[in-house]
Protein backbone atom coordinates (compact mmCIF):
# COMPACT_ATOMS: atom_id res chain seq x y z
CA MET A 1 28.76 -126.88 -11.37
CA SER A 2 26.34 -124.18 -11.17
CA ASP A 3 24.82 -122.35 -14.02
CA HIS A 4 26.83 -119.36 -14.02
CA GLN A 5 30.47 -121.23 -13.56
CA ALA A 6 28.92 -122.97 -16.95
CA LYS A 7 28.16 -120.14 -18.91
CA GLY A 8 31.66 -118.15 -18.11
CA TYR A 9 29.55 -114.87 -16.56
CA GLU A 10 26.91 -113.63 -14.71
CA ALA A 11 23.82 -114.06 -15.89
CA SER A 12 22.00 -111.31 -14.04
CA ASP A 13 23.16 -107.69 -14.88
CA VAL A 14 23.42 -104.88 -11.58
CA SER A 15 20.77 -103.27 -11.41
CA VAL A 16 20.19 -99.42 -13.34
CA ARG A 17 17.65 -98.15 -10.61
CA GLY A 18 19.83 -99.17 -7.75
CA VAL A 19 22.75 -97.43 -9.10
CA ALA A 20 20.54 -94.44 -9.97
CA TYR A 21 19.26 -94.10 -5.98
CA VAL A 22 23.18 -94.24 -5.12
CA LEU A 23 24.31 -91.87 -7.01
CA GLY A 24 21.88 -89.73 -6.66
CA ILE A 25 21.64 -89.90 -3.05
CA LEU A 26 25.61 -89.24 -3.41
CA PHE A 27 25.01 -85.91 -5.18
CA VAL A 28 22.40 -84.93 -2.68
CA CYS A 29 25.04 -85.60 0.46
CA LEU A 30 27.46 -83.82 -1.71
CA GLY A 31 25.11 -80.76 -2.24
CA LEU A 32 24.26 -80.94 1.42
CA THR A 33 27.50 -80.50 2.40
CA GLY A 34 28.75 -77.81 0.41
CA GLY A 35 26.09 -76.00 1.14
CA LEU A 36 26.79 -76.79 5.18
CA VAL A 37 30.30 -75.93 4.32
CA ALA A 38 29.54 -72.60 2.71
CA GLY A 39 26.95 -71.36 5.65
CA MET A 40 29.84 -71.90 7.92
CA PHE A 41 32.42 -69.57 5.82
CA ALA A 42 29.35 -66.67 5.32
CA LEU A 43 28.60 -66.93 9.48
CA PHE A 44 32.34 -66.86 10.75
CA SER A 45 33.12 -64.03 7.67
CA GLN A 46 30.46 -61.79 9.30
CA ARG A 47 30.91 -62.21 12.67
CA GLU A 48 34.00 -59.72 13.70
CA ASP A 49 35.68 -58.62 16.92
CA HIS A 50 36.15 -54.93 17.19
CA SER A 51 37.03 -54.91 20.96
CA ALA A 52 39.85 -52.91 21.84
CA ALA A 53 42.86 -54.30 23.60
CA SER A 54 43.38 -54.57 27.05
CA PRO A 55 46.16 -52.45 28.97
CA LEU A 56 47.57 -56.21 29.54
CA GLU A 57 47.59 -57.41 25.98
CA MET A 58 49.30 -54.50 24.70
CA ARG A 59 52.19 -54.37 27.03
CA VAL A 60 55.77 -55.43 25.55
CA LEU A 61 56.83 -58.89 26.82
CA SER A 62 60.39 -59.60 27.61
CA PRO A 63 62.37 -62.63 29.49
CA PRO A 64 63.38 -62.19 32.51
CA SER A 65 67.18 -61.40 33.51
CA PRO A 66 69.46 -62.15 33.28
CA ARG A 67 69.28 -61.33 29.21
CA LEU A 68 72.28 -63.72 28.32
CA GLU A 69 71.94 -62.69 24.63
CA VAL A 70 71.78 -58.73 24.62
CA SER A 71 72.06 -58.46 20.49
CA PRO A 72 71.02 -61.89 18.86
CA ALA A 73 71.30 -60.07 15.18
CA GLY A 74 75.23 -59.30 16.52
CA ASP A 75 75.47 -62.73 17.56
CA ARG A 76 74.19 -64.39 14.84
CA ALA A 77 76.57 -62.74 12.73
CA ALA A 78 79.69 -63.64 14.94
CA VAL A 79 78.28 -67.41 14.62
CA GLU A 80 78.19 -67.03 10.73
CA ALA A 81 81.35 -65.65 10.01
CA ARG A 82 83.13 -68.25 12.27
CA ALA A 83 81.18 -70.67 10.23
CA ARG A 84 81.92 -69.55 7.13
CA GLY A 85 86.10 -68.48 8.11
CA ARG A 86 85.93 -72.78 9.26
CA LEU A 87 84.18 -73.73 5.89
CA GLU A 88 86.37 -71.39 3.69
CA GLY A 89 89.63 -70.96 5.19
CA TYR A 90 92.58 -73.16 6.53
CA GLY A 91 93.40 -74.70 9.88
CA TRP A 92 93.90 -77.10 12.46
CA THR A 93 91.63 -79.77 13.43
CA ASN A 94 93.67 -81.94 15.58
CA ARG A 95 97.88 -81.25 15.64
CA GLU A 96 98.52 -84.13 17.41
CA THR A 97 97.33 -86.11 14.47
CA GLY A 98 97.97 -83.94 11.90
CA ARG A 99 94.51 -83.37 10.55
CA VAL A 100 93.84 -80.19 9.13
CA HIS A 101 90.87 -78.21 7.39
CA ILE A 102 90.87 -76.92 4.09
CA PRO A 103 88.00 -74.95 2.09
CA ILE A 104 85.30 -76.90 0.26
CA GLU A 105 86.61 -76.04 -3.12
CA ALA A 106 90.11 -77.07 -2.47
CA ALA A 107 88.67 -80.60 -1.01
CA MET A 108 86.91 -81.54 -3.98
CA ARG A 109 89.57 -80.55 -6.18
CA LEU A 110 92.15 -82.86 -4.08
CA THR A 111 89.58 -85.44 -4.32
CA ILE A 112 89.08 -84.85 -8.15
CA GLN A 113 92.98 -85.23 -8.97
CA GLN A 114 94.18 -87.55 -6.42
CA GLY A 115 90.57 -89.97 -5.85
CA TRP A 116 88.81 -90.63 -3.13
CA GLN A 117 90.93 -92.40 0.34
CA ASP A 118 89.51 -95.17 2.27
CA GLU A 119 90.07 -94.87 6.45
CA THR A 120 93.78 -96.39 5.99
CA GLY A 121 94.58 -93.21 3.14
CA LYS A 122 94.91 -95.62 -0.05
CA PRO A 123 93.31 -93.81 -2.64
CA GLN A 124 90.15 -95.71 -3.85
CA PRO A 125 89.63 -96.08 -8.26
């Protein structure tokens, strides 16, 4: 059995001087890195490009013809209105199978009253 194992602890301590050197080097590196970053920020903030835009940059670009969506805002409003009507209204999903869609609030009320149904249509507790 070694001397350390017999005592049940380490017989020597960590060198305080070594820890101080490592911490000193760490703080010096952090300070140099912070100074470098601050210098780069100062350098790039002073550099401003005041050149005038070329005629090509000022030209308004539009997609080539045929432009299929003439009024995007109007088209979006129509899509949202259809979706809102389907969410808030009643209608057929599939007439052959007898499936309909109902408003979300009505479906939640029916689920609370009747309970959840499995695939066979039987209510679950």
